């Protein structure tokens, strides 16, 4: 069975979310075109992804050198790391969903990638650099932004989109080929509110097409 893992990295608010609405259109289209596939939703804002902080590094050290000294909290922390990693490894396709924050992805999404990007699991180091271990898998990055960063030339709003580059480079590092790394940018709605309907229709149509082919 093919498994699609959707990683939602968007805060929960009462406001309309362009990225969440777009991924819903994608999911509806995907389910219609891939009725036998399993879909897993991982909502990073409804749970606290364990950080790579002092507690994590201390637990790793104890687990490596003195595993008999692990506390219950240590074991729970390491187990949660393992759960996120195994879920990611078991999936065949990935969809990352986030709003742009100051030219980057949300902190929760960065933290999630820190947890699952484990050497010898997703990639291995060689004398010629890292080699990805997830060949044959696919990713789609859906990102919303109030201005235009990709879809249209806007000389008054040309800040770099480091977040999209980061997701793309990470997926490249773990072995996804160029044709298997795709992006869908939902943009311009805050800068041009009078074009909201047009931009929404464009995003939803792209999402529907991605859902059919992904």
N, C-alpha and C. Protein backbone atom coordinates (compact mmCIF):
# COMPACT_ATOMS: atom_id res chain seq x y z
N UNK A 1 0.84 -1.20 0.00
CA UNK A 1 0.00 0.00 0.00
C UNK A 1 0.88 1.25 0.00
N UNK A 2 0.56 2.18 -0.86
CA UNK A 2 1.28 3.45 -0.91
C UNK A 2 0.79 4.36 0.21
N UNK A 3 1.73 5.01 0.90
CA UNK A 3 1.38 5.89 2.02
C UNK A 3 1.80 7.31 1.71
N UNK A 4 0.85 8.23 1.88
CA UNK A 4 1.11 9.66 1.74
C UNK A 4 1.12 10.29 3.14
N UNK A 5 2.21 10.97 3.47
CA UNK A 5 2.33 11.65 4.75
C UNK A 5 2.22 13.15 4.52
N UNK A 6 1.18 13.77 5.10
CA UNK A 6 0.98 15.22 4.99
C UNK A 6 1.42 15.85 6.30
N UNK A 7 2.42 16.72 6.22
CA UNK A 7 2.97 17.38 7.41
C UNK A 7 2.45 18.81 7.44
N UNK A 8 1.52 19.07 8.34
CA UNK A 8 0.92 20.40 8.47
C UNK A 8 1.73 21.21 9.47
N UNK A 9 2.26 22.34 9.01
CA UNK A 9 3.05 23.21 9.88
C UNK A 9 2.47 24.60 9.86
N UNK A 10 1.20 24.68 10.25
CA UNK A 10 0.47 25.94 10.22
C UNK A 10 -0.25 26.12 11.55
N UNK A 11 -0.18 27.31 12.15
CA UNK A 11 -0.86 27.53 13.44
C UNK A 11 -2.37 27.46 13.28
N UNK A 12 -3.04 27.14 14.38
CA UNK A 12 -4.49 27.03 14.38
C UNK A 12 -5.10 28.38 14.78
N UNK A 13 -5.72 29.03 13.84
CA UNK A 13 -6.39 30.31 14.10
C UNK A 13 -7.77 30.27 13.48
N UNK A 14 -8.56 31.28 13.78
CA UNK A 14 -9.90 31.38 13.19
C UNK A 14 -9.87 32.01 11.80
N UNK A 15 -8.72 32.56 11.42
CA UNK A 15 -8.60 33.20 10.12
C UNK A 15 -8.50 32.16 9.01
N UNK A 16 -8.93 32.54 7.82
CA UNK A 16 -8.81 31.67 6.66
C UNK A 16 -7.33 31.41 6.38
N UNK A 17 -6.98 30.16 6.17
CA UNK A 17 -5.60 29.79 5.86
C UNK A 17 -5.49 29.39 4.41
N UNK A 18 -4.70 30.11 3.66
CA UNK A 18 -4.52 29.81 2.24
C UNK A 18 -3.81 28.47 2.04
N UNK A 19 -2.82 28.21 2.84
CA UNK A 19 -2.08 26.95 2.66
C UNK A 19 -2.92 25.76 3.08
N UNK A 20 -3.65 25.86 4.18
CA UNK A 20 -4.47 24.74 4.63
C UNK A 20 -5.65 24.50 3.68
N UNK A 21 -6.23 25.57 3.17
CA UNK A 21 -7.32 25.41 2.21
C UNK A 21 -6.81 24.76 0.92
N UNK A 22 -5.61 25.13 0.52
CA UNK A 22 -5.03 24.56 -0.71
C UNK A 22 -4.71 23.10 -0.54
N UNK A 23 -4.17 22.72 0.61
CA UNK A 23 -3.85 21.30 0.80
C UNK A 23 -5.12 20.47 0.90
N UNK A 24 -6.22 21.06 1.36
CA UNK A 24 -7.48 20.33 1.38
C UNK A 24 -7.94 20.03 -0.04
N UNK A 25 -7.76 20.99 -0.95
CA UNK A 25 -8.10 20.74 -2.36
C UNK A 25 -7.21 19.65 -2.93
N UNK A 26 -5.93 19.70 -2.58
CA UNK A 26 -5.01 18.65 -3.02
C UNK A 26 -5.44 17.29 -2.50
N UNK A 27 -5.76 17.24 -1.22
CA UNK A 27 -6.11 15.95 -0.59
C UNK A 27 -7.39 15.37 -1.21
N UNK A 28 -8.37 16.22 -1.46
CA UNK A 28 -9.62 15.74 -2.07
C UNK A 28 -9.35 15.16 -3.45
N UNK A 29 -8.54 15.85 -4.24
CA UNK A 29 -8.20 15.36 -5.57
C UNK A 29 -7.36 14.09 -5.49
N UNK A 30 -6.44 14.06 -4.54
CA UNK A 30 -5.58 12.88 -4.39
C UNK A 30 -6.40 11.64 -4.02
N UNK A 31 -7.31 11.81 -3.09
CA UNK A 31 -8.14 10.68 -2.66
C UNK A 31 -8.99 10.14 -3.81
N UNK A 32 -9.50 11.04 -4.64
CA UNK A 32 -10.30 10.61 -5.79
C UNK A 32 -9.45 9.85 -6.80
N UNK A 33 -8.20 10.26 -6.97
CA UNK A 33 -7.32 9.64 -7.96
C UNK A 33 -6.54 8.45 -7.42
N UNK A 34 -6.40 8.37 -6.10
CA UNK A 34 -5.63 7.29 -5.47
C UNK A 34 -6.45 6.70 -4.32
N UNK A 35 -7.59 6.10 -4.61
CA UNK A 35 -8.52 5.68 -3.55
C UNK A 35 -7.97 4.60 -2.62
N UNK A 36 -6.96 3.86 -3.04
CA UNK A 36 -6.42 2.78 -2.22
C UNK A 36 -5.23 3.21 -1.37
N UNK A 37 -4.77 4.42 -1.57
CA UNK A 37 -3.60 4.89 -0.82
C UNK A 37 -3.99 5.27 0.62
N UNK A 38 -3.05 5.11 1.51
CA UNK A 38 -3.22 5.51 2.91
C UNK A 38 -2.70 6.93 3.08
N UNK A 39 -3.47 7.77 3.78
CA UNK A 39 -3.06 9.15 4.04
C UNK A 39 -2.90 9.35 5.54
N UNK A 40 -1.73 9.83 5.94
CA UNK A 40 -1.46 10.15 7.34
C UNK A 40 -1.31 11.66 7.46
N UNK A 41 -1.98 12.26 8.42
CA UNK A 41 -1.87 13.69 8.68
C UNK A 41 -1.05 13.90 9.95
N UNK A 42 0.06 14.60 9.84
CA UNK A 42 0.88 14.93 11.02
C UNK A 42 0.79 16.44 11.22
N UNK A 43 0.05 16.85 12.25
CA UNK A 43 -0.20 18.26 12.52
C UNK A 43 0.79 18.74 13.59
N UNK A 44 1.79 19.49 13.17
CA UNK A 44 2.87 19.89 14.07
C UNK A 44 2.46 20.95 15.08
N UNK A 45 1.33 21.63 14.84
CA UNK A 45 0.87 22.65 15.79
C UNK A 45 -0.11 22.10 16.81
N UNK A 46 -0.51 20.84 16.67
CA UNK A 46 -1.40 20.25 17.66
C UNK A 46 -0.61 19.38 18.65
N UNK A 47 0.69 19.33 18.48
CA UNK A 47 1.56 18.55 19.37
C UNK A 47 2.90 19.24 19.44
N UNK A 48 3.66 18.94 20.44
CA UNK A 48 4.98 19.57 20.61
C UNK A 48 6.05 18.60 20.12
N UNK A 49 6.63 18.91 18.98
CA UNK A 49 7.71 18.08 18.45
C UNK A 49 8.92 18.24 19.37
N UNK A 50 9.52 17.14 19.83
CA UNK A 50 10.66 17.26 20.74
C UNK A 50 11.83 17.97 20.07
N UNK A 51 12.36 18.96 20.75
CA UNK A 51 13.45 19.76 20.18
C UNK A 51 14.80 19.06 20.35
N UNK A 52 15.75 19.46 19.52
CA UNK A 52 17.13 19.02 19.74
C UNK A 52 17.76 20.00 20.72
N UNK A 53 17.43 19.80 22.00
CA UNK A 53 17.88 20.72 23.04
C UNK A 53 18.78 20.00 24.03
N UNK A 54 19.03 20.62 25.18
CA UNK A 54 19.92 20.02 26.18
C UNK A 54 19.42 18.66 26.65
N UNK A 55 18.11 18.54 26.85
CA UNK A 55 17.55 17.27 27.32
C UNK A 55 17.75 16.16 26.29
N UNK A 56 17.54 16.50 25.02
CA UNK A 56 17.70 15.50 23.97
C UNK A 56 19.15 15.03 23.87
N UNK A 57 20.08 15.96 23.85
CA UNK A 57 21.49 15.58 23.73
C UNK A 57 21.95 14.77 24.94
N UNK A 58 21.46 15.12 26.11
CA UNK A 58 21.83 14.36 27.31
C UNK A 58 21.26 12.94 27.25
N UNK A 59 20.01 12.82 26.77
CA UNK A 59 19.40 11.49 26.66
C UNK A 59 20.13 10.64 25.63
N UNK A 60 20.51 11.24 24.51
CA UNK A 60 21.29 10.52 23.50
C UNK A 60 22.60 10.00 24.09
N UNK A 61 23.26 10.84 24.86
CA UNK A 61 24.55 10.45 25.44
C UNK A 61 24.38 9.31 26.42
N UNK A 62 23.36 9.40 27.29
CA UNK A 62 23.12 8.32 28.24
C UNK A 62 22.74 7.03 27.52
N UNK A 63 21.95 7.15 26.47
CA UNK A 63 21.53 5.96 25.72
C UNK A 63 22.72 5.28 25.06
N UNK A 64 23.71 6.06 24.66
CA UNK A 64 24.87 5.51 23.97
C UNK A 64 25.88 4.91 24.95
N UNK A 65 26.12 5.59 26.07
CA UNK A 65 27.20 5.18 26.96
C UNK A 65 26.72 4.50 28.24
N UNK A 66 25.51 4.78 28.66
CA UNK A 66 25.02 4.18 29.92
C UNK A 66 23.51 3.98 29.83
N UNK A 67 23.04 3.11 28.93
CA UNK A 67 21.60 2.96 28.71
C UNK A 67 20.83 2.52 29.95
N UNK A 68 21.51 1.87 30.88
CA UNK A 68 20.82 1.43 32.10
C UNK A 68 20.48 2.59 33.02
N UNK A 69 21.02 3.78 32.73
CA UNK A 69 20.73 4.95 33.56
C UNK A 69 19.60 5.81 32.99
N UNK A 70 19.01 5.39 31.87
CA UNK A 70 17.94 6.18 31.27
C UNK A 70 16.74 6.29 32.19
N UNK A 71 16.23 7.49 32.35
CA UNK A 71 15.03 7.71 33.15
C UNK A 71 13.79 7.44 32.30
N UNK A 72 12.64 7.44 32.93
CA UNK A 72 11.39 7.28 32.19
C UNK A 72 11.19 8.42 31.20
N UNK A 73 11.57 9.63 31.61
CA UNK A 73 11.46 10.78 30.71
C UNK A 73 12.39 10.62 29.51
N UNK A 74 13.61 10.13 29.77
CA UNK A 74 14.55 9.88 28.67
C UNK A 74 13.95 8.90 27.67
N UNK A 75 13.43 7.81 28.16
CA UNK A 75 12.88 6.77 27.29
C UNK A 75 11.70 7.29 26.49
N UNK A 76 10.85 8.09 27.12
CA UNK A 76 9.71 8.66 26.42
C UNK A 76 10.17 9.61 25.32
N UNK A 77 11.19 10.44 25.63
CA UNK A 77 11.71 11.38 24.66
C UNK A 77 12.30 10.66 23.45
N UNK A 78 13.14 9.66 23.71
CA UNK A 78 13.76 8.91 22.62
C UNK A 78 12.72 8.13 21.81
N UNK A 79 11.70 7.64 22.48
CA UNK A 79 10.63 6.92 21.79
C UNK A 79 9.88 7.84 20.84
N UNK A 80 9.63 9.08 21.25
CA UNK A 80 8.93 10.03 20.40
C UNK A 80 9.76 10.37 19.17
N UNK A 81 11.07 10.54 19.37
CA UNK A 81 11.95 10.77 18.22
C UNK A 81 11.85 9.60 17.24
N UNK A 82 11.88 8.40 17.77
CA UNK A 82 11.84 7.21 16.93
C UNK A 82 10.51 7.10 16.19
N UNK A 83 9.43 7.47 16.85
CA UNK A 83 8.11 7.42 16.20
C UNK A 83 8.04 8.35 14.99
N UNK A 84 8.51 9.57 15.15
CA UNK A 84 8.51 10.51 14.03
C UNK A 84 9.36 9.98 12.89
N UNK A 85 10.54 9.46 13.22
CA UNK A 85 11.45 8.95 12.19
C UNK A 85 10.84 7.77 11.46
N UNK A 86 10.32 6.81 12.18
CA UNK A 86 9.77 5.60 11.55
C UNK A 86 8.55 5.93 10.69
N UNK A 87 7.74 6.86 11.14
CA UNK A 87 6.58 7.27 10.35
C UNK A 87 7.04 7.88 9.02
N UNK A 88 8.06 8.72 9.09
CA UNK A 88 8.57 9.34 7.88
C UNK A 88 9.17 8.30 6.94
N UNK A 89 9.94 7.39 7.49
CA UNK A 89 10.57 6.36 6.67
C UNK A 89 9.55 5.44 6.01
N UNK A 90 8.44 5.19 6.68
CA UNK A 90 7.44 4.26 6.17
C UNK A 90 6.60 4.86 5.04
N UNK A 91 6.62 6.19 4.91
CA UNK A 91 5.81 6.84 3.88
C UNK A 91 6.52 6.80 2.53
N UNK A 92 5.72 6.87 1.48
CA UNK A 92 6.23 6.88 0.11
C UNK A 92 6.24 8.28 -0.51
N UNK A 93 5.33 9.12 -0.01
CA UNK A 93 5.19 10.47 -0.54
C UNK A 93 5.01 11.43 0.63
N UNK A 94 5.53 12.65 0.45
CA UNK A 94 5.46 13.65 1.52
C UNK A 94 4.89 14.96 0.98
N UNK A 95 4.01 15.57 1.77
CA UNK A 95 3.51 16.91 1.47
C UNK A 95 3.79 17.79 2.68
N UNK A 96 4.59 18.82 2.50
CA UNK A 96 4.89 19.78 3.56
C UNK A 96 4.02 21.02 3.32
N UNK A 97 3.37 21.50 4.38
CA UNK A 97 2.44 22.62 4.24
C UNK A 97 2.77 23.67 5.29
N UNK A 98 3.03 24.90 4.85
CA UNK A 98 3.35 25.96 5.81
C UNK A 98 3.13 27.33 5.22
N UNK A 99 2.90 28.33 6.08
CA UNK A 99 2.96 29.71 5.63
C UNK A 99 4.42 30.17 5.67
N UNK A 100 4.76 31.17 4.88
CA UNK A 100 6.10 31.73 4.97
C UNK A 100 6.18 32.65 6.18
N UNK A 101 7.20 32.46 7.00
CA UNK A 101 7.47 33.35 8.14
C UNK A 101 8.83 34.02 7.92
N UNK A 102 8.81 35.31 7.63
CA UNK A 102 10.05 36.06 7.49
C UNK A 102 11.04 35.39 6.55
N UNK A 103 10.54 34.95 5.41
CA UNK A 103 11.39 34.34 4.41
C UNK A 103 11.76 32.90 4.67
N UNK A 104 11.12 32.28 5.68
CA UNK A 104 11.50 30.92 6.04
C UNK A 104 10.25 30.12 6.42
N UNK A 105 10.46 28.85 6.73
CA UNK A 105 9.37 28.00 7.19
C UNK A 105 9.12 28.27 8.67
N UNK A 106 8.04 27.73 9.21
CA UNK A 106 7.75 27.88 10.63
C UNK A 106 8.77 27.12 11.47
N UNK A 107 8.96 27.56 12.70
CA UNK A 107 9.92 26.91 13.59
C UNK A 107 9.55 25.45 13.83
N UNK A 108 8.24 25.16 13.88
CA UNK A 108 7.80 23.79 14.12
C UNK A 108 8.22 22.86 12.99
N UNK A 109 8.18 23.35 11.76
CA UNK A 109 8.59 22.52 10.64
C UNK A 109 10.10 22.31 10.65
N UNK A 110 10.86 23.35 10.94
CA UNK A 110 12.32 23.20 11.07
C UNK A 110 12.66 22.20 12.16
N UNK A 111 11.97 22.27 13.28
CA UNK A 111 12.22 21.35 14.39
C UNK A 111 11.89 19.91 14.01
N UNK A 112 10.80 19.73 13.25
CA UNK A 112 10.43 18.40 12.80
C UNK A 112 11.51 17.80 11.90
N UNK A 113 12.01 18.60 10.98
CA UNK A 113 13.05 18.10 10.08
C UNK A 113 14.33 17.79 10.85
N UNK A 114 14.65 18.57 11.86
CA UNK A 114 15.80 18.26 12.70
C UNK A 114 15.66 16.88 13.34
N UNK A 115 14.44 16.52 13.72
CA UNK A 115 14.19 15.25 14.39
C UNK A 115 14.29 14.06 13.42
N UNK A 116 13.78 14.23 12.20
CA UNK A 116 13.72 13.07 11.30
C UNK A 116 14.94 12.95 10.38
N UNK A 117 15.75 14.00 10.25
CA UNK A 117 16.92 13.95 9.35
C UNK A 117 18.09 13.26 10.06
N UNK A 118 17.99 11.96 10.19
CA UNK A 118 18.96 11.17 10.95
C UNK A 118 19.96 10.50 10.00
N UNK A 119 21.27 10.70 10.21
CA UNK A 119 22.26 10.02 9.38
C UNK A 119 22.12 8.50 9.48
N UNK A 120 22.39 7.84 8.37
CA UNK A 120 22.30 6.38 8.21
C UNK A 120 20.85 5.90 8.18
N UNK A 121 19.91 6.82 8.25
CA UNK A 121 18.50 6.50 8.08
C UNK A 121 17.95 7.18 6.82
N UNK A 122 18.10 8.50 6.74
CA UNK A 122 17.65 9.25 5.57
C UNK A 122 18.79 9.51 4.59
N UNK A 123 20.03 9.52 5.09
CA UNK A 123 21.20 9.77 4.26
C UNK A 123 22.42 9.21 4.98
N UNK A 124 23.49 9.09 4.23
CA UNK A 124 24.75 8.66 4.85
C UNK A 124 25.87 9.57 4.35
N UNK A 125 26.86 9.77 5.20
CA UNK A 125 27.99 10.61 4.83
C UNK A 125 29.04 9.80 4.09
N UNK A 126 29.62 10.40 3.06
CA UNK A 126 30.71 9.78 2.32
C UNK A 126 31.80 10.83 2.13
N UNK A 127 32.94 10.40 1.59
CA UNK A 127 34.03 11.34 1.36
C UNK A 127 33.67 12.37 0.29
N UNK A 128 32.62 12.08 -0.48
CA UNK A 128 32.16 13.00 -1.51
C UNK A 128 30.90 13.76 -1.10
N UNK A 129 30.57 13.71 0.19
CA UNK A 129 29.39 14.40 0.67
C UNK A 129 28.26 13.42 1.00
N UNK A 130 27.13 13.93 1.50
CA UNK A 130 26.02 13.05 1.87
C UNK A 130 25.35 12.42 0.66
N UNK A 131 24.91 11.18 0.82
CA UNK A 131 24.17 10.46 -0.20
C UNK A 131 22.81 10.07 0.38
N UNK A 132 21.74 10.42 -0.32
CA UNK A 132 20.39 10.15 0.17
C UNK A 132 20.03 8.69 0.08
N UNK A 133 19.17 8.25 1.02
CA UNK A 133 18.75 6.86 1.10
C UNK A 133 17.28 6.67 0.78
N UNK A 134 16.60 7.72 0.34
CA UNK A 134 15.16 7.64 0.09
C UNK A 134 14.84 7.72 -1.40
N UNK A 135 15.60 7.04 -2.19
CA UNK A 135 15.38 7.06 -3.64
C UNK A 135 13.99 6.52 -3.98
N UNK A 136 13.36 7.14 -4.97
CA UNK A 136 12.06 6.68 -5.44
C UNK A 136 10.88 7.34 -4.74
N UNK A 137 11.14 8.12 -3.68
CA UNK A 137 10.04 8.78 -2.99
C UNK A 137 9.80 10.17 -3.59
N UNK A 138 8.65 10.76 -3.22
CA UNK A 138 8.24 12.04 -3.79
C UNK A 138 7.92 13.04 -2.68
N UNK A 139 8.09 14.33 -3.00
CA UNK A 139 7.69 15.37 -2.06
C UNK A 139 7.01 16.51 -2.80
N UNK A 140 6.10 17.16 -2.10
CA UNK A 140 5.43 18.36 -2.57
C UNK A 140 5.45 19.37 -1.43
N UNK A 141 5.91 20.57 -1.72
CA UNK A 141 5.93 21.63 -0.71
C UNK A 141 4.89 22.68 -1.08
N UNK A 142 3.87 22.82 -0.22
CA UNK A 142 2.83 23.84 -0.41
C UNK A 142 3.10 24.97 0.58
N UNK A 143 3.34 26.15 0.06
CA UNK A 143 3.67 27.28 0.93
C UNK A 143 2.88 28.52 0.51
N UNK A 144 2.32 29.21 1.51
CA UNK A 144 1.58 30.43 1.24
C UNK A 144 2.39 31.65 1.66
N UNK A 145 2.20 32.75 0.94
CA UNK A 145 2.87 34.01 1.27
C UNK A 145 2.00 35.15 0.77
N UNK A 146 1.96 36.22 1.54
CA UNK A 146 1.10 37.34 1.17
C UNK A 146 1.56 38.10 -0.05
N UNK A 147 2.88 38.09 -0.31
CA UNK A 147 3.42 38.73 -1.50
C UNK A 147 3.81 37.71 -2.54
N UNK A 148 4.40 38.18 -3.62
CA UNK A 148 4.86 37.29 -4.68
C UNK A 148 6.36 37.07 -4.54
N UNK A 149 6.74 35.81 -4.48
CA UNK A 149 8.15 35.43 -4.42
C UNK A 149 8.54 34.53 -5.59
N UNK A 150 7.55 33.90 -6.22
CA UNK A 150 7.83 32.94 -7.29
C UNK A 150 6.93 33.11 -8.50
N UNK A 151 5.67 33.35 -8.27
CA UNK A 151 4.69 33.25 -9.36
C UNK A 151 4.68 34.45 -10.29
N UNK A 152 5.05 35.61 -9.79
CA UNK A 152 5.03 36.82 -10.60
C UNK A 152 6.20 37.72 -10.21
N UNK A 153 6.65 38.51 -11.18
CA UNK A 153 7.70 39.48 -10.89
C UNK A 153 7.10 40.66 -10.12
N UNK A 154 7.68 40.97 -8.98
CA UNK A 154 7.20 42.08 -8.17
C UNK A 154 8.42 42.82 -7.63
N UNK A 155 8.90 43.83 -8.32
CA UNK A 155 10.15 44.48 -7.95
C UNK A 155 10.12 45.16 -6.59
N UNK A 156 8.93 45.39 -6.04
CA UNK A 156 8.85 46.02 -4.73
C UNK A 156 8.84 45.00 -3.59
N UNK A 157 8.90 43.73 -3.94
CA UNK A 157 8.82 42.70 -2.90
C UNK A 157 9.66 41.51 -3.34
N UNK A 158 10.99 41.67 -3.28
CA UNK A 158 11.89 40.69 -3.86
C UNK A 158 12.71 39.94 -2.81
N UNK A 159 12.24 39.88 -1.58
CA UNK A 159 12.98 39.14 -0.55
C UNK A 159 13.13 37.69 -0.95
N UNK A 160 14.24 37.09 -0.59
CA UNK A 160 14.49 35.69 -0.93
C UNK A 160 13.62 34.76 -0.11
N UNK A 161 13.21 33.67 -0.74
CA UNK A 161 12.44 32.64 -0.07
C UNK A 161 13.42 31.54 0.36
N UNK A 162 13.97 31.68 1.53
CA UNK A 162 14.93 30.70 2.02
C UNK A 162 14.24 29.41 2.46
N UNK A 163 12.97 29.51 2.86
CA UNK A 163 12.25 28.33 3.34
C UNK A 163 12.03 27.30 2.26
N UNK A 164 11.58 27.74 1.09
CA UNK A 164 11.37 26.81 -0.01
C UNK A 164 12.68 26.17 -0.45
N UNK A 165 13.75 26.98 -0.46
CA UNK A 165 15.07 26.44 -0.81
C UNK A 165 15.52 25.40 0.21
N UNK A 166 15.21 25.65 1.48
CA UNK A 166 15.60 24.72 2.54
C UNK A 166 14.88 23.37 2.41
N UNK A 167 13.57 23.40 2.19
CA UNK A 167 12.82 22.16 2.02
C UNK A 167 13.31 21.40 0.79
N UNK A 168 13.52 22.13 -0.29
CA UNK A 168 13.97 21.48 -1.53
C UNK A 168 15.35 20.85 -1.34
N UNK A 169 16.26 21.58 -0.71
CA UNK A 169 17.60 21.06 -0.51
C UNK A 169 17.60 19.86 0.43
N UNK A 170 16.75 19.89 1.45
CA UNK A 170 16.66 18.77 2.38
C UNK A 170 16.18 17.51 1.67
N UNK A 171 15.14 17.66 0.86
CA UNK A 171 14.63 16.51 0.12
C UNK A 171 15.65 16.01 -0.90
N UNK A 172 16.39 16.91 -1.49
CA UNK A 172 17.46 16.51 -2.41
C UNK A 172 18.54 15.73 -1.66
N UNK A 173 18.89 16.20 -0.47
CA UNK A 173 19.93 15.55 0.32
C UNK A 173 19.55 14.12 0.70
N UNK A 174 18.26 13.88 0.95
CA UNK A 174 17.85 12.53 1.38
C UNK A 174 17.55 11.61 0.20
N UNK A 175 17.74 12.10 -1.03
CA UNK A 175 17.70 11.20 -2.17
C UNK A 175 16.59 11.40 -3.17
N UNK A 176 15.74 12.42 -2.99
CA UNK A 176 14.65 12.63 -3.94
C UNK A 176 15.20 13.35 -5.19
N UNK A 177 14.87 12.82 -6.34
CA UNK A 177 15.37 13.38 -7.59
C UNK A 177 14.66 14.68 -7.93
N UNK A 178 15.20 15.41 -8.91
CA UNK A 178 14.62 16.70 -9.29
C UNK A 178 13.16 16.57 -9.67
N UNK A 179 12.83 15.55 -10.46
CA UNK A 179 11.44 15.40 -10.92
C UNK A 179 10.50 14.96 -9.80
N UNK A 180 11.05 14.44 -8.71
CA UNK A 180 10.23 13.99 -7.59
C UNK A 180 10.12 15.01 -6.46
N UNK A 181 10.72 16.18 -6.66
CA UNK A 181 10.60 17.27 -5.68
C UNK A 181 9.80 18.39 -6.34
N UNK A 182 8.58 18.60 -5.83
CA UNK A 182 7.70 19.58 -6.46
C UNK A 182 7.28 20.66 -5.47
N UNK A 183 6.85 21.79 -5.99
CA UNK A 183 6.49 22.93 -5.15
C UNK A 183 5.22 23.59 -5.68
N UNK A 184 4.41 24.07 -4.75
CA UNK A 184 3.19 24.80 -5.08
C UNK A 184 3.14 26.04 -4.19
N UNK A 185 3.27 27.20 -4.80
CA UNK A 185 3.32 28.44 -4.05
C UNK A 185 1.98 29.18 -4.19
N UNK A 186 1.39 29.50 -3.04
CA UNK A 186 0.12 30.21 -2.98
C UNK A 186 0.45 31.64 -2.54
N UNK A 187 0.41 32.59 -3.48
CA UNK A 187 1.02 33.89 -3.21
C UNK A 187 0.17 35.06 -3.67
N UNK A 188 0.48 36.23 -3.09
CA UNK A 188 -0.01 37.50 -3.59
C UNK A 188 -1.30 38.02 -3.00
N UNK A 189 -1.97 37.22 -2.16
CA UNK A 189 -3.31 37.57 -1.70
C UNK A 189 -3.33 38.76 -0.75
N UNK A 190 -2.27 38.98 0.02
CA UNK A 190 -2.24 40.13 0.93
C UNK A 190 -1.86 41.40 0.19
N UNK A 191 -0.93 41.28 -0.75
CA UNK A 191 -0.50 42.46 -1.50
C UNK A 191 -1.58 42.93 -2.47
N UNK A 192 -2.31 41.98 -3.04
CA UNK A 192 -3.34 42.32 -4.02
C UNK A 192 -4.68 41.69 -3.60
N UNK A 193 -5.30 42.21 -2.54
CA UNK A 193 -6.55 41.61 -2.06
C UNK A 193 -7.67 41.65 -3.09
N UNK A 194 -7.61 42.61 -4.01
CA UNK A 194 -8.64 42.69 -5.04
C UNK A 194 -8.54 41.50 -6.02
N UNK A 195 -7.43 40.78 -5.98
CA UNK A 195 -7.25 39.61 -6.85
C UNK A 195 -7.43 38.30 -6.09
N UNK A 196 -7.98 38.37 -4.90
CA UNK A 196 -8.06 37.19 -4.04
C UNK A 196 -8.77 36.02 -4.71
N UNK A 197 -9.90 36.28 -5.33
CA UNK A 197 -10.66 35.20 -5.97
C UNK A 197 -9.86 34.56 -7.09
N UNK A 198 -9.22 35.38 -7.90
CA UNK A 198 -8.39 34.88 -9.00
C UNK A 198 -7.24 34.02 -8.47
N UNK A 199 -6.57 34.52 -7.44
CA UNK A 199 -5.41 33.81 -6.90
C UNK A 199 -5.83 32.51 -6.21
N UNK A 200 -6.99 32.55 -5.55
CA UNK A 200 -7.49 31.33 -4.90
C UNK A 200 -7.82 30.27 -5.95
N UNK A 201 -8.50 30.67 -7.01
CA UNK A 201 -8.85 29.73 -8.07
C UNK A 201 -7.60 29.12 -8.70
N UNK A 202 -6.59 29.95 -8.90
CA UNK A 202 -5.33 29.47 -9.48
C UNK A 202 -4.67 28.45 -8.56
N UNK A 203 -4.63 28.75 -7.26
CA UNK A 203 -4.02 27.83 -6.30
C UNK A 203 -4.79 26.52 -6.22
N UNK A 204 -6.11 26.61 -6.15
CA UNK A 204 -6.92 25.40 -6.02
C UNK A 204 -6.83 24.53 -7.28
N UNK A 205 -6.78 25.17 -8.45
CA UNK A 205 -6.64 24.39 -9.69
C UNK A 205 -5.30 23.67 -9.72
N UNK A 206 -4.24 24.36 -9.31
CA UNK A 206 -2.92 23.72 -9.25
C UNK A 206 -2.93 22.56 -8.26
N UNK A 207 -3.57 22.77 -7.10
CA UNK A 207 -3.64 21.71 -6.10
C UNK A 207 -4.38 20.50 -6.62
N UNK A 208 -5.47 20.73 -7.34
CA UNK A 208 -6.24 19.62 -7.91
C UNK A 208 -5.40 18.85 -8.92
N UNK A 209 -4.64 19.55 -9.73
CA UNK A 209 -3.80 18.89 -10.72
C UNK A 209 -2.67 18.11 -10.06
N UNK A 210 -2.08 18.67 -9.02
CA UNK A 210 -1.05 17.95 -8.28
C UNK A 210 -1.64 16.68 -7.66
N UNK A 211 -2.84 16.80 -7.11
CA UNK A 211 -3.47 15.64 -6.49
C UNK A 211 -3.69 14.50 -7.45
N UNK A 212 -4.02 14.81 -8.68
CA UNK A 212 -4.24 13.77 -9.67
C UNK A 212 -2.95 13.06 -10.06
N UNK A 213 -1.86 13.82 -10.16
CA UNK A 213 -0.63 13.28 -10.73
C UNK A 213 0.41 12.85 -9.69
N UNK A 214 0.22 13.24 -8.45
CA UNK A 214 1.27 13.03 -7.45
C UNK A 214 1.39 11.56 -7.05
